[in-house]
Amino acid sequence: QVQLVESGGGLVQAGGSLRLSCTASGTLSGYAMGWFRQAPGKEREFVAAIMWDVPSTYYADSVKGRFTISRDYAKKTVYLQMNSLKPEDTAVYYCAKSRQKGPVSDYTEAIFGSWGQGTQVTVSS
């Protein structure tokens, strides 16, 4: 059974940076790993994703140029480097693993079947 554990959230001022980490157990080869976020009163939304075996990354338009997703094979960890943070980035951030191996056609919640517990990111203005 896959276990995903996020860390690295916290409180930061607007314009600052944070790096989130997601350490995974189980098989990751062939799967997509993603980050989603959920702000108070809003639905959970896609942020970024990466294929574990190939350097393919995907971003929501709202974070392009500011966030970078990466992975460390040896540590089985996925990172989300967040720069130039804005108050609207405030949310609980979740790490997720796709349900099936292979290319991902879209980045909706339904594609991802395993989720971490979430880590809070708060950006003050």
PDB file of N, CA and C in Angstrom:
ATOM      1  N   GLN A   1       0.845  -1.181   0.000  1.00  0.00           N
ATOM      2  CA  GLN A   1       0.000   0.000   0.000  1.00  0.00           C
ATOM      3  C   GLN A   1       0.888   1.242   0.000  1.00  0.00           C
ATOM      4  N   VAL A   2       0.534   2.200  -0.849  1.00  0.00           N
ATOM      5  CA  VAL A   2       1.324   3.412  -0.979  1.00  0.00           C
ATOM      6  C   VAL A   2       1.077   4.335   0.206  1.00  0.00           C
ATOM      7  N   GLN A   3       2.151   4.912   0.692  1.00  0.00           N
ATOM      8  CA  GLN A   3       2.041   5.918   1.738  1.00  0.00           C
ATOM      9  C   GLN A   3       2.784   7.160   1.273  1.00  0.00           C
ATOM     10  N   LEU A   4       2.123   8.307   1.350  1.00  0.00           N
ATOM     11  CA  LEU A   4       2.710   9.578   0.938  1.00  0.00           C
ATOM     12  C   LEU A   4       2.711  10.504   2.147  1.00  0.00           C
ATOM     13  N   VAL A   5       3.881  11.063   2.459  1.00  0.00           N
ATOM     14  CA  VAL A   5       4.008  11.926   3.629  1.00  0.00           C
ATOM     15  C   VAL A   5       4.588  13.260   3.188  1.00  0.00           C
ATOM     16  N   GLU A   6       3.785  14.320   3.337  1.00  0.00           N
ATOM     17  CA  GLU A   6       4.225  15.660   2.962  1.00  0.00           C
ATOM     18  C   GLU A   6       4.859  16.377   4.152  1.00  0.00           C
ATOM     19  N   SER A   7       5.741  17.309   3.840  1.00  0.00           N
ATOM     20  CA  SER A   7       6.322  18.177   4.854  1.00  0.00           C
ATOM     21  C   SER A   7       6.781  19.462   4.184  1.00  0.00           C
ATOM     22  N   GLY A   8       7.126  20.458   4.997  1.00  0.00           N
ATOM     23  CA  GLY A   8       7.688  21.687   4.468  1.00  0.00           C
ATOM     24  C   GLY A   8       6.759  22.876   4.434  1.00  0.00           C
ATOM     25  N   GLY A   9       5.512  22.679   4.795  1.00  0.00           N
ATOM     26  CA  GLY A   9       4.593  23.809   4.811  1.00  0.00           C
ATOM     27  C   GLY A   9       4.920  24.774   5.937  1.00  0.00           C
ATOM     28  N   GLY A  10       4.249  25.925   5.922  1.00  0.00           N
ATOM     29  CA  GLY A  10       4.477  26.900   6.968  1.00  0.00           C
ATOM     30  C   GLY A  10       3.914  28.247   6.606  1.00  0.00           C
ATOM     31  N   LEU A  11       4.325  29.252   7.375  1.00  0.00           N
ATOM     32  CA  LEU A  11       3.885  30.628   7.170  1.00  0.00           C
ATOM     33  C   LEU A  11       5.022  31.419   6.542  1.00  0.00           C
ATOM     34  N   VAL A  12       4.713  32.142   5.472  1.00  0.00           N
ATOM     35  CA  VAL A  12       5.727  32.926   4.772  1.00  0.00           C
ATOM     36  C   VAL A  12       5.097  34.224   4.283  1.00  0.00           C
ATOM     37  N   GLN A  13       5.912  35.251   4.166  1.00  0.00           N
ATOM     38  CA  GLN A  13       5.406  36.515   3.648  1.00  0.00           C
ATOM     39  C   GLN A  13       5.319  36.473   2.127  1.00  0.00           C
ATOM     40  N   ALA A  14       4.449  37.295   1.586  1.00  0.00           N
ATOM     41  CA  ALA A  14       4.323  37.386   0.135  1.00  0.00           C
ATOM     42  C   ALA A  14       5.686  37.707  -0.483  1.00  0.00           C
ATOM     43  N   GLY A  15       5.979  37.021  -1.585  1.00  0.00           N
ATOM     44  CA  GLY A  15       7.269  37.172  -2.238  1.00  0.00           C
ATOM     45  C   GLY A  15       8.305  36.179  -1.769  1.00  0.00           C
ATOM     46  N   GLY A  16       7.995  35.469  -0.702  1.00  0.00           N
ATOM     47  CA  GLY A  16       8.922  34.496  -0.152  1.00  0.00           C
ATOM     48  C   GLY A  16       8.856  33.151  -0.846  1.00  0.00           C
ATOM     49  N   SER A  17       9.608  32.197  -0.293  1.00  0.00           N
ATOM     50  CA  SER A  17       9.704  30.860  -0.889  1.00  0.00           C
ATOM     51  C   SER A  17       9.518  29.775   0.162  1.00  0.00           C
ATOM     52  N   LEU A  18       9.038  28.637  -0.299  1.00  0.00           N
ATOM     53  CA  LEU A  18       8.958  27.423   0.512  1.00  0.00           C
ATOM     54  C   LEU A  18       9.236  26.234  -0.388  1.00  0.00           C
ATOM     55  N   ARG A  19       9.734  25.169   0.192  1.00  0.00           N
ATOM     56  CA  ARG A  19       9.886  23.918  -0.553  1.00  0.00           C
ATOM     57  C   ARG A  19       9.140  22.821   0.183  1.00  0.00           C
ATOM     58  N   LEU A  20       8.191  22.231  -0.522  1.00  0.00           N
ATOM     59  CA  LEU A  20       7.441  21.107   0.017  1.00  0.00           C
ATOM     60  C   LEU A  20       8.096  19.802  -0.413  1.00  0.00           C
ATOM     61  N   SER A  21       8.018  18.807   0.459  1.00  0.00           N
ATOM     62  CA  SER A  21       8.550  17.483   0.163  1.00  0.00           C
ATOM     63  C   SER A  21       7.456  16.443   0.324  1.00  0.00           C
ATOM     64  N   CYS A  22       7.533  15.408  -0.472  1.00  0.00           N
ATOM     65  CA  CYS A  22       6.599  14.284  -0.385  1.00  0.00           C
ATOM     66  C   CYS A  22       7.416  13.012  -0.507  1.00  0.00           C
ATOM     67  N   THR A  23       7.514  12.277   0.575  1.00  0.00           N
ATOM     68  CA  THR A  23       8.254  11.024   0.573  1.00  0.00           C
ATOM     69  C   THR A  23       7.269   9.877   0.426  1.00  0.00           C
ATOM     70  N   ALA A  24       7.579   8.989  -0.521  1.00  0.00           N
ATOM     71  CA  ALA A  24       6.632   7.931  -0.873  1.00  0.00           C
ATOM     72  C   ALA A  24       7.201   6.557  -0.593  1.00  0.00           C
ATOM     73  N   SER A  25       6.299   5.633  -0.288  1.00  0.00           N
ATOM     74  CA  SER A  25       6.655   4.228  -0.189  1.00  0.00           C
ATOM     75  C   SER A  25       6.056   3.516  -1.395  1.00  0.00           C
ATOM     76  N   GLY A  26       6.474   2.303  -1.640  1.00  0.00           N
ATOM     77  CA  GLY A  26       5.909   1.550  -2.739  1.00  0.00           C
ATOM     78  C   GLY A  26       6.558   1.865  -4.074  1.00  0.00           C
ATOM     79  N   THR A  27       6.014   1.290  -5.121  1.00  0.00           N
ATOM     80  CA  THR A  27       6.554   1.448  -6.471  1.00  0.00           C
ATOM     81  C   THR A  27       6.140   2.790  -7.060  1.00  0.00           C
ATOM     82  N   LEU A  28       7.112   3.508  -7.595  1.00  0.00           N
ATOM     83  CA  LEU A  28       6.832   4.790  -8.232  1.00  0.00           C
ATOM     84  C   LEU A  28       7.141   4.776  -9.724  1.00  0.00           C
ATOM     85  N   SER A  29       7.960   3.853 -10.165  1.00  0.00           N
ATOM     86  CA  SER A  29       8.352   3.780 -11.560  1.00  0.00           C
ATOM     87  C   SER A  29       7.127   3.606 -12.456  1.00  0.00           C
ATOM     88  N   GLY A  30       7.011   4.495 -13.453  1.00  0.00           N
ATOM     89  CA  GLY A  30       5.907   4.431 -14.389  1.00  0.00           C
ATOM     90  C   GLY A  30       4.713   5.276 -14.013  1.00  0.00           C
ATOM     91  N   TYR A  31       4.710   5.788 -12.813  1.00  0.00           N
ATOM     92  CA  TYR A  31       3.567   6.570 -12.340  1.00  0.00           C
ATOM     93  C   TYR A  31       3.833   8.066 -12.443  1.00  0.00           C
ATOM     94  N   ALA A  32       2.755   8.833 -12.394  1.00  0.00           N
ATOM     95  CA  ALA A  32       2.847  10.282 -12.274  1.00  0.00           C
ATOM     96  C   ALA A  32       2.662  10.665 -10.815  1.00  0.00           C
ATOM     97  N   MET A  33       3.424  11.653 -10.395  1.00  0.00           N
ATOM     98  CA  MET A  33       3.285  12.203  -9.053  1.00  0.00           C
ATOM     99  C   MET A  33       2.832  13.649  -9.188  1.00  0.00           C
ATOM    100  N   GLY A  34       1.885  14.032  -8.374  1.00  0.00           N
ATOM    101  CA  GLY A  34       1.336  15.376  -8.507  1.00  0.00           C
ATOM    102  C   GLY A  34       1.188  16.094  -7.188  1.00  0.00           C
ATOM    103  N   TRP A  35       1.044  17.410  -7.309  1.00  0.00           N
ATOM    104  CA  TRP A  35       0.696  18.264  -6.171  1.00  0.00           C
ATOM    105  C   TRP A  35      -0.636  18.942  -6.483  1.00  0.00           C
ATOM    106  N   PHE A  36      -1.505  18.924  -5.512  1.00  0.00           N
ATOM    107  CA  PHE A  36      -2.784  19.625  -5.575  1.00  0.00           C
ATOM    108  C   PHE A  36      -2.873  20.548  -4.361  1.00  0.00           C
ATOM    109  N   ARG A  37      -3.815  21.461  -4.392  1.00  0.00           N
ATOM    110  CA  ARG A  37      -4.021  22.320  -3.229  1.00  0.00           C
ATOM    111  C   ARG A  37      -5.501  22.630  -3.069  1.00  0.00           C
ATOM    112  N   GLN A  38      -5.869  22.912  -1.835  1.00  0.00           N
ATOM    113  CA  GLN A  38      -7.260  23.255  -1.528  1.00  0.00           C
ATOM    114  C   GLN A  38      -7.289  24.432  -0.569  1.00  0.00           C
ATOM    115  N   ALA A  39      -7.823  25.534  -1.057  1.00  0.00           N
ATOM    116  CA  ALA A  39      -7.983  26.727  -0.234  1.00  0.00           C
ATOM    117  C   ALA A  39      -9.319  26.662   0.501  1.00  0.00           C
ATOM    118  N   PRO A  40      -9.459  27.388   1.597  1.00  0.00           N
ATOM    119  CA  PRO A  40     -10.719  27.366   2.349  1.00  0.00           C
ATOM    120  C   PRO A  40     -11.897  27.744   1.467  1.00  0.00           C
ATOM    121  N   GLY A  41     -12.932  26.909   1.503  1.00  0.00           N
ATOM    122  CA  GLY A  41     -14.140  27.190   0.747  1.00  0.00           C
ATOM    123  C   GLY A  41     -14.045  26.923  -0.735  1.00  0.00           C
ATOM    124  N   LYS A  42     -12.933  26.348  -1.171  1.00  0.00           N
ATOM    125  CA  LYS A  42     -12.758  26.072  -2.603  1.00  0.00           C
ATOM    126  C   LYS A  42     -12.507  24.602  -2.835  1.00  0.00           C
ATOM    127  N   GLU A  43     -12.678  24.191  -4.077  1.00  0.00           N
ATOM    128  CA  GLU A  43     -12.404  22.814  -4.434  1.00  0.00           C
ATOM    129  C   GLU A  43     -10.896  22.595  -4.572  1.00  0.00           C
ATOM    130  N   ARG A  44     -10.501  21.349  -4.424  1.00  0.00           N
ATOM    131  CA  ARG A  44      -9.098  21.018  -4.596  1.00  0.00           C
ATOM    132  C   ARG A  44      -8.725  21.193  -6.074  1.00  0.00           C
ATOM    133  N   GLU A  45      -7.551  21.781  -6.316  1.00  0.00           N
ATOM    134  CA  GLU A  45      -7.147  22.049  -7.687  1.00  0.00           C
ATOM    135  C   GLU A  45      -5.739  21.538  -7.952  1.00  0.00           C
ATOM    136  N   PHE A  46      -5.497  21.230  -9.225  1.00  0.00           N
ATOM    137  CA  PHE A  46      -4.191  20.752  -9.667  1.00  0.00           C
ATOM    138  C   PHE A  46      -3.174  21.888  -9.607  1.00  0.00           C
ATOM    139  N   VAL A  47      -1.946  21.536  -9.190  1.00  0.00           N
ATOM    140  CA  VAL A  47      -0.850  22.511  -9.147  1.00  0.00           C
ATOM    141  C   VAL A  47       0.261  22.113 -10.104  1.00  0.00           C
ATOM    142  N   ALA A  48       0.781  20.889  -9.946  1.00  0.00           N
ATOM    143  CA  ALA A  48       1.914  20.455 -10.775  1.00  0.00           C
ATOM    144  C   ALA A  48       2.004  18.940 -10.751  1.00  0.00           C
ATOM    145  N   ALA A  49       2.644  18.386 -11.782  1.00  0.00           N
ATOM    146  CA  ALA A  49       2.831  16.937 -11.844  1.00  0.00           C
ATOM    147  C   ALA A  49       4.118  16.622 -12.575  1.00  0.00           C
ATOM    148  N   ILE A  50       4.628  15.423 -12.306  1.00  0.00           N
ATOM    149  CA  ILE A  50       5.859  14.967 -12.936  1.00  0.00           C
ATOM    150  C   ILE A  50       5.766  13.467 -13.148  1.00  0.00           C
ATOM    151  N   MET A  51       6.260  13.001 -14.279  1.00  0.00           N
ATOM    152  CA  MET A  51       6.371  11.570 -14.504  1.00  0.00           C
ATOM    153  C   MET A  51       7.621  11.080 -13.802  1.00  0.00           C
ATOM    154  N   TRP A  52       7.516   9.956 -13.092  1.00  0.00           N
ATOM    155  CA  TRP A  52       8.629   9.528 -12.247  1.00  0.00           C
ATOM    156  C   TRP A  52       9.868   9.188 -13.061  1.00  0.00           C
ATOM    157  N   ASP A  53       9.679   8.604 -14.256  1.00  0.00           N
ATOM    158  CA  ASP A  53      10.815   8.073 -15.014  1.00  0.00           C
ATOM    159  C   ASP A  53      11.351   8.990 -16.098  1.00  0.00           C
ATOM    160  N   VAL A  54      10.596   9.978 -16.482  1.00  0.00           N
ATOM    161  CA  VAL A  54      11.039  10.848 -17.570  1.00  0.00           C
ATOM    162  C   VAL A  54      10.898  12.301 -17.113  1.00  0.00           C
ATOM    163  N   PRO A  55      11.702  13.199 -17.688  1.00  0.00           N
ATOM    164  CA  PRO A  55      11.662  14.604 -17.246  1.00  0.00           C
ATOM    165  C   PRO A  55      10.497  15.386 -17.833  1.00  0.00           C
ATOM    166  N   SER A  56       9.295  14.885 -17.596  1.00  0.00           N
ATOM    167  CA  SER A  56       8.101  15.584 -18.089  1.00  0.00           C
ATOM    168  C   SER A  56       7.383  16.213 -16.915  1.00  0.00           C
ATOM    169  N   THR A  57       7.205  17.506 -16.982  1.00  0.00           N
ATOM    170  CA  THR A  57       6.535  18.233 -15.909  1.00  0.00           C
ATOM    171  C   THR A  57       5.365  19.034 -16.464  1.00  0.00           C
ATOM    172  N   TYR A  58       4.387  19.285 -15.620  1.00  0.00           N
ATOM    173  CA  TYR A  58       3.163  19.961 -16.024  1.00  0.00           C
ATOM    174  C   TYR A  58       2.739  20.887 -14.893  1.00  0.00           C
ATOM    175  N   TYR A  59       2.250  22.061 -15.253  1.00  0.00           N
ATOM    176  CA  TYR A  59       1.908  23.057 -14.257  1.00  0.00           C
ATOM    177  C   TYR A  59       0.565  23.706 -14.553  1.00  0.00           C
ATOM    178  N   ALA A  60      -0.120  24.087 -13.495  1.00  0.00           N
ATOM    179  CA  ALA A  60      -1.294  24.938 -13.658  1.00  0.00           C
ATOM    180  C   ALA A  60      -0.820  26.324 -14.093  1.00  0.00           C
ATOM    181  N   ASP A  61      -1.627  26.987 -14.867  1.00  0.00           N
ATOM    182  CA  ASP A  61      -1.239  28.316 -15.362  1.00  0.00           C
ATOM    183  C   ASP A  61      -0.946  29.279 -14.212  1.00  0.00           C
ATOM    184  N   SER A  62      -1.646  29.111 -13.117  1.00  0.00           N
ATOM    185  CA  SER A  62      -1.507  30.045 -11.993  1.00  0.00           C
ATOM    186  C   SER A  62      -0.147  29.961 -11.302  1.00  0.00           C
ATOM    187  N   VAL A  63       0.605  28.889 -11.538  1.00  0.00           N
ATOM    188  CA  VAL A  63       1.894  28.734 -10.849  1.00  0.00           C
ATOM    189  C   VAL A  63       3.072  28.664 -11.816  1.00  0.00           C
ATOM    190  N   LYS A  64       2.821  28.642 -13.104  1.00  0.00           N
ATOM    191  CA  LYS A  64       3.905  28.563 -14.084  1.00  0.00           C
ATOM    192  C   LYS A  64       4.890  29.711 -13.903  1.00  0.00           C
ATOM    193  N   GLY A  65       6.172  29.363 -13.921  1.00  0.00           N
ATOM    194  CA  GLY A  65       7.199  30.373 -13.753  1.00  0.00           C
ATOM    195  C   GLY A  65       7.535  30.669 -12.310  1.00  0.00           C
ATOM    196  N   ARG A  66       6.716  30.191 -11.384  1.00  0.00           N
ATOM    197  CA  ARG A  66       6.970  30.428  -9.953  1.00  0.00           C
ATOM    198  C   ARG A  66       7.250  29.132  -9.193  1.00  0.00           C
ATOM    199  N   PHE A  67       6.585  28.063  -9.574  1.00  0.00           N
ATOM    200  CA  PHE A  67       6.738  26.774  -8.899  1.00  0.00           C
ATOM    201  C   PHE A  67       7.518  25.812  -9.784  1.00  0.00           C
ATOM    202  N   THR A  68       8.277  24.920  -9.140  1.00  0.00           N
ATOM    203  CA  THR A  68       9.023  23.891  -9.865  1.00  0.00           C
ATOM    204  C   THR A  68       8.857  22.561  -9.155  1.00  0.00           C
ATOM    205  N   ILE A  69       8.437  21.553  -9.900  1.00  0.00           N
ATOM    206  CA  ILE A  69       8.319  20.206  -9.350  1.00  0.00           C
ATOM    207  C   ILE A  69       9.530  19.389  -9.781  1.00  0.00           C
ATOM    208  N   SER A  70      10.027  18.563  -8.862  1.00  0.00           N
ATOM    209  CA  SER A  70      11.187  17.723  -9.173  1.00  0.00           C
ATOM    210  C   SER A  70      11.112  16.466  -8.322  1.00  0.00           C
ATOM    211  N   ARG A  71      11.999  15.511  -8.614  1.00  0.00           N
ATOM    212  CA  ARG A  71      12.001  14.291  -7.804  1.00  0.00           C
ATOM    213  C   ARG A  71      13.426  13.793  -7.598  1.00  0.00           C
ATOM    214  N   ASP A  72      13.597  13.073  -6.496  1.00  0.00           N
ATOM    215  CA  ASP A  72      14.877  12.454  -6.148  1.00  0.00           C
ATOM    216  C   ASP A  72      14.640  10.949  -6.112  1.00  0.00           C
ATOM    217  N   TYR A  73      15.239  10.234  -7.074  1.00  0.00           N
ATOM    218  CA  TYR A  73      15.011   8.792  -7.162  1.00  0.00           C
ATOM    219  C   TYR A  73      15.430   8.065  -5.898  1.00  0.00           C
ATOM    220  N   ALA A  74      16.633   8.367  -5.439  1.00  0.00           N
ATOM    221  CA  ALA A  74      17.188   7.621  -4.309  1.00  0.00           C
ATOM    222  C   ALA A  74      16.357   7.814  -3.046  1.00  0.00           C
ATOM    223  N   LYS A  75      15.832   9.021  -2.861  1.00  0.00           N
ATOM    224  CA  LYS A  75      15.068   9.308  -1.653  1.00  0.00           C
ATOM    225  C   LYS A  75      13.580   9.042  -1.839  1.00  0.00           C
ATOM    226  N   LYS A  76      13.152   8.705  -3.064  1.00  0.00           N
ATOM    227  CA  LYS A  76      11.737   8.479  -3.370  1.00  0.00           C
ATOM    228  C   LYS A  76      10.909   9.667  -2.883  1.00  0.00           C
ATOM    229  N   THR A  77      11.387  10.815  -3.232  1.00  0.00           N
ATOM    230  CA  THR A  77      10.784  12.050  -2.762  1.00  0.00           C
ATOM    231  C   THR A  77      10.493  12.984  -3.923  1.00  0.00           C
ATOM    232  N   VAL A  78       9.351  13.603  -3.878  1.00  0.00           N
ATOM    233  CA  VAL A  78       8.949  14.616  -4.853  1.00  0.00           C
ATOM    234  C   VAL A  78       8.947  15.967  -4.140  1.00  0.00           C
ATOM    235  N   TYR A  79       9.453  16.973  -4.816  1.00  0.00           N
ATOM    236  CA  TYR A  79       9.542  18.305  -4.227  1.00  0.00           C
ATOM    237  C   TYR A  79       8.674  19.291  -5.012  1.00  0.00           C
ATOM    238  N   LEU A  80       8.238  20.305  -4.306  1.00  0.00           N
ATOM    239  CA  LEU A  80       7.576  21.441  -4.960  1.00  0.00           C
ATOM    240  C   LEU A  80       8.251  22.705  -4.430  1.00  0.00           C
ATOM    241  N   GLN A  81       9.096  23.282  -5.260  1.00  0.00           N
ATOM    242  CA  GLN A  81       9.746  24.538  -4.905  1.00  0.00           C
ATOM    243  C   GLN A  81       8.816  25.675  -5.290  1.00  0.00           C
ATOM    244  N   MET A  82       8.454  26.488  -4.308  1.00  0.00           N
ATOM    245  CA  MET A  82       7.496  27.564  -4.543  1.00  0.00           C
ATOM    246  C   MET A  82       8.176  28.903  -4.283  1.00  0.00           C
ATOM    247  N   ASN A  83       8.301  29.697  -5.326  1.00  0.00           N
ATOM    248  CA  ASN A  83       8.922  31.014  -5.232  1.00  0.00           C
ATOM    249  C   ASN A  83       7.890  32.100  -5.526  1.00  0.00           C
ATOM    250  N   SER A  84       8.222  33.315  -5.167  1.00  0.00           N
ATOM    251  CA  SER A  84       7.346  34.472  -5.416  1.00  0.00           C
ATOM    252  C   SER A  84       5.925  34.181  -4.946  1.00  0.00           C
ATOM    253  N   LEU A  85       5.815  33.680  -3.748  1.00  0.00           N
ATOM    254  CA  LEU A  85       4.511  33.270  -3.236  1.00  0.00           C
ATOM    255  C   LEU A  85       3.579  34.460  -3.071  1.00  0.00           C
ATOM    256  N   LYS A  86       2.305  34.191  -3.303  1.00  0.00           N
ATOM    257  CA  LYS A  86       1.262  35.196  -3.211  1.00  0.00           C
ATOM    258  C   LYS A  86       0.241  34.766  -2.165  1.00  0.00           C
ATOM    259  N   PRO A  87      -0.501  35.707  -1.585  1.00  0.00           N
ATOM    260  CA  PRO A  87      -1.530  35.326  -0.612  1.00  0.00           C
ATOM    261  C   PRO A  87      -2.525  34.312  -1.182  1.00  0.00           C
ATOM    262  N   GLU A  88      -2.797  34.385  -2.478  1.00  0.00           N
ATOM    263  CA  GLU A  88      -3.742  33.443  -3.086  1.00  0.00           C
ATOM    264  C   GLU A  88      -3.181  32.028  -3.221  1.00  0.00           C
ATOM    265  N   ASP A  89      -1.900  31.841  -2.892  1.00  0.00           N
ATOM    266  CA  ASP A  89      -1.327  30.488  -2.853  1.00  0.00           C
ATOM    267  C   ASP A  89      -1.625  29.789  -1.531  1.00  0.00           C
ATOM    268  N   THR A  90      -2.210  30.511  -0.584  1.00  0.00           N
ATOM    269  CA  THR A  90      -2.547  29.925   0.712  1.00  0.00           C
ATOM    270  C   THR A  90      -3.527  28.775   0.528  1.00  0.00           C
ATOM    271  N   ALA A  91      -3.164  27.610   1.052  1.00  0.00           N
ATOM    272  CA  ALA A  91      -3.982  26.406   0.882  1.00  0.00           C
ATOM    273  C   ALA A  91      -3.324  25.254   1.630  1.00  0.00           C
ATOM    274  N   VAL A  92      -4.062  24.162   1.724  1.00  0.00           N
ATOM    275  CA  VAL A  92      -3.464  22.896   2.123  1.00  0.00           C
ATOM    276  C   VAL A  92      -2.985  22.225   0.845  1.00  0.00           C
ATOM    277  N   TYR A  93      -1.723  21.823   0.835  1.00  0.00           N
ATOM    278  CA  TYR A  93      -1.116  21.208  -0.342  1.00  0.00           C
ATOM    279  C   TYR A  93      -1.022  19.696  -0.129  1.00  0.00           C
ATOM    280  N   TYR A  94      -1.467  18.966  -1.156  1.00  0.00           N
ATOM    281  CA  TYR A  94      -1.498  17.512  -1.100  1.00  0.00           C
ATOM    282  C   TYR A  94      -0.614  16.913  -2.186  1.00  0.00           C
ATOM    283  N   CYS A  95       0.087  15.863  -1.813  1.00  0.00           N
ATOM    284  CA  CYS A  95       0.853  15.066  -2.756  1.00  0.00           C
ATOM    285  C   CYS A  95      -0.021  13.891  -3.193  1.00  0.00           C
ATOM    286  N   ALA A  96       0.122  13.468  -4.446  1.00  0.00           N
ATOM    287  CA  ALA A  96      -0.704  12.386  -4.952  1.00  0.00           C
ATOM    288  C   ALA A  96       0.058  11.545  -5.964  1.00  0.00           C
ATOM    289  N   LYS A  97      -0.359  10.298  -6.091  1.00  0.00           N
ATOM    290  CA  LYS A  97       0.222   9.358  -7.058  1.00  0.00           C
ATOM    291  C   LYS A  97      -0.889   8.882  -7.985  1.00  0.00           C
ATOM    292  N   SER A  98      -0.585   8.776  -9.271  1.00  0.00           N
ATOM    293  CA  SER A  98      -1.602   8.365 -10.228  1.00  0.00           C
ATOM    294  C   SER A  98      -2.063   6.936  -9.959  1.00  0.00           C
ATOM    295  N   ARG A  99      -3.281   6.654 -10.383  1.00  0.00           N
ATOM    296  CA  ARG A  99      -3.855   5.325 -10.145  1.00  0.00           C
ATOM    297  C   ARG A  99      -3.162   4.257 -10.981  1.00  0.00           C
ATOM    298  N   GLN A 100      -2.787   4.631 -12.200  1.00  0.00           N
ATOM    299  CA  GLN A 100      -2.228   3.659 -13.117  1.00  0.00           C
ATOM    300  C   GLN A 100      -0.901   4.145 -13.684  1.00  0.00           C
ATOM    301  N   LYS A 101      -0.102   3.196 -14.139  1.00  0.00           N
ATOM    302  CA  LYS A 101       1.140   3.533 -14.814  1.00  0.00           C
ATOM    303  C   LYS A 101       0.850   4.114 -16.184  1.00  0.00           C
ATOM    304  N   GLY A 102       1.813   4.861 -16.689  1.00  0.00           N
ATOM    305  CA  GLY A 102       1.702   5.358 -18.044  1.00  0.00           C
ATOM    306  C   GLY A 102       1.432   6.836 -18.103  1.00  0.00           C
ATOM    307  N   PRO A 103       1.433   7.376 -19.333  1.00  0.00           N
ATOM    308  CA  PRO A 103       1.215   8.817 -19.508  1.00  0.00           C
ATOM    309  C   PRO A 103      -0.132   9.241 -18.943  1.00  0.00           C
ATOM    310  N   VAL A 104      -0.173  10.450 -18.438  1.00  0.00           N
ATOM    311  CA  VAL A 104      -1.394  10.996 -17.864  1.00  0.00           C
ATOM    312  C   VAL A 104      -2.001  11.952 -18.878  1.00  0.00           C
ATOM    313  N   SER A 105      -3.282  11.758 -19.162  1.00  0.00           N
ATOM    314  CA  SER A 105      -3.931  12.573 -20.198  1.00  0.00           C
ATOM    315  C   SER A 105      -4.484  13.881 -19.649  1.00  0.00           C
ATOM    316  N   ASP A 106      -4.833  13.883 -18.396  1.00  0.00           N
ATOM    317  CA  ASP A 106      -5.263  15.130 -17.778  1.00  0.00           C
ATOM    318  C   ASP A 106      -4.858  15.097 -16.314  1.00  0.00           C
ATOM    319  N   TYR A 107      -5.111  16.153 -15.624  1.00  0.00           N
ATOM    320  CA  TYR A 107      -4.599  16.288 -14.266  1.00  0.00           C
ATOM    321  C   TYR A 107      -5.723  16.598 -13.293  1.00  0.00           C
ATOM    322  N   THR A 108      -6.739  15.777 -13.370  1.00  0.00           N
ATOM    323  CA  THR A 108      -7.845  15.897 -12.439  1.00  0.00           C
ATOM    324  C   THR A 108      -7.641  14.945 -11.269  1.00  0.00           C
ATOM    325  N   GLU A 109      -8.392  15.194 -10.207  1.00  0.00           N
ATOM    326  CA  GLU A 109      -8.270  14.340  -9.025  1.00  0.00           C
ATOM    327  C   GLU A 109      -8.523  12.875  -9.341  1.00  0.00           C
ATOM    328  N   ALA A 110      -9.409  12.607 -10.274  1.00  0.00           N
ATOM    329  CA  ALA A 110      -9.784  11.227 -10.579  1.00  0.00           C
ATOM    330  C   ALA A 110      -8.616  10.395 -11.084  1.00  0.00           C
ATOM    331  N   ILE A 111      -7.621  11.054 -11.678  1.00  0.00           N
ATOM    332  CA  ILE A 111      -6.470  10.339 -12.208  1.00  0.00           C
ATOM    333  C   ILE A 111      -5.561   9.852 -11.088  1.00  0.00           C
ATOM    334  N   PHE A 112      -5.620  10.507  -9.945  1.00  0.00           N
ATOM    335  CA  PHE A 112      -4.715  10.202  -8.850  1.00  0.00           C
ATOM    336  C   PHE A 112      -5.450   9.426  -7.766  1.00  0.00           C
ATOM    337  N   GLY A 113      -4.868   8.305  -7.347  1.00  0.00           N
ATOM    338  CA  GLY A 113      -5.581   7.420  -6.437  1.00  0.00           C
ATOM    339  C   GLY A 113      -5.039   7.351  -5.036  1.00  0.00           C
ATOM    340  N   SER A 114      -3.818   7.853  -4.819  1.00  0.00           N
ATOM    341  CA  SER A 114      -3.217   7.812  -3.483  1.00  0.00           C
ATOM    342  C   SER A 114      -2.871   9.238  -3.085  1.00  0.00           C
ATOM    343  N   TRP A 115      -3.186   9.578  -1.846  1.00  0.00           N
ATOM    344  CA  TRP A 115      -3.022  10.964  -1.382  1.00  0.00           C
ATOM    345  C   TRP A 115      -2.320  11.011  -0.033  1.00  0.00           C
ATOM    346  N   GLY A 116      -1.559  12.085   0.149  1.00  0.00           N
ATOM    347  CA  GLY A 116      -0.976  12.323   1.454  1.00  0.00           C
ATOM    348  C   GLY A 116      -1.971  13.035   2.353  1.00  0.00           C
ATOM    349  N   GLN A 117      -1.527  13.354   3.556  1.00  0.00           N
ATOM    350  CA  GLN A 117      -2.415  13.967   4.541  1.00  0.00           C
ATOM    351  C   GLN A 117      -2.512  15.479   4.373  1.00  0.00           C
ATOM    352  N   GLY A 118      -1.614  16.063   3.595  1.00  0.00           N
ATOM    353  CA  GLY A 118      -1.647  17.499   3.339  1.00  0.00           C
ATOM    354  C   GLY A 118      -0.744  18.282   4.277  1.00  0.00           C
ATOM    355  N   THR A 119      -0.257  19.418   3.783  1.00  0.00           N
ATOM    356  CA  THR A 119       0.552  20.318   4.580  1.00  0.00           C
ATOM    357  C   THR A 119       0.079  21.752   4.318  1.00  0.00           C
ATOM    358  N   GLN A 120      -0.068  22.526   5.370  1.00  0.00           N
ATOM    359  CA  GLN A 120      -0.614  23.866   5.252  1.00  0.00           C
ATOM    360  C   GLN A 120       0.449  24.865   4.798  1.00  0.00           C
ATOM    361  N   VAL A 121       0.101  25.660   3.814  1.00  0.00           N
ATOM    362  CA  VAL A 121       0.934  26.771   3.366  1.00  0.00           C
ATOM    363  C   VAL A 121       0.113  28.049   3.533  1.00  0.00           C
ATOM    364  N   THR A 122       0.657  28.998   4.282  1.00  0.00           N
ATOM    365  CA  THR A 122      -0.018  30.264   4.505  1.00  0.00           C
ATOM    366  C   THR A 122       0.901  31.403   4.076  1.00  0.00           C
ATOM    367  N   VAL A 123       0.411  32.237   3.165  1.00  0.00           N
ATOM    368  CA  VAL A 123       1.194  33.359   2.655  1.00  0.00           C
ATOM    369  C   VAL A 123       0.532  34.645   3.133  1.00  0.00           C
ATOM    370  N   SER A 124       1.257  35.417   3.915  1.00  0.00           N
ATOM    371  CA  SER A 124       0.706  36.664   4.452  1.00  0.00           C
ATOM    372  C   SER A 124       1.058  37.829   3.533  1.00  0.00           C
ATOM    373  N   SER A 125       0.172  38.797   3.494  1.00  0.00           N
ATOM    374  CA  SER A 125       0.387  39.961   2.618  1.00  0.00           C
ATOM    375  C   SER A 125       1.143  41.066   3.320  1.00  0.00           C
TER     376      SER A 125
END
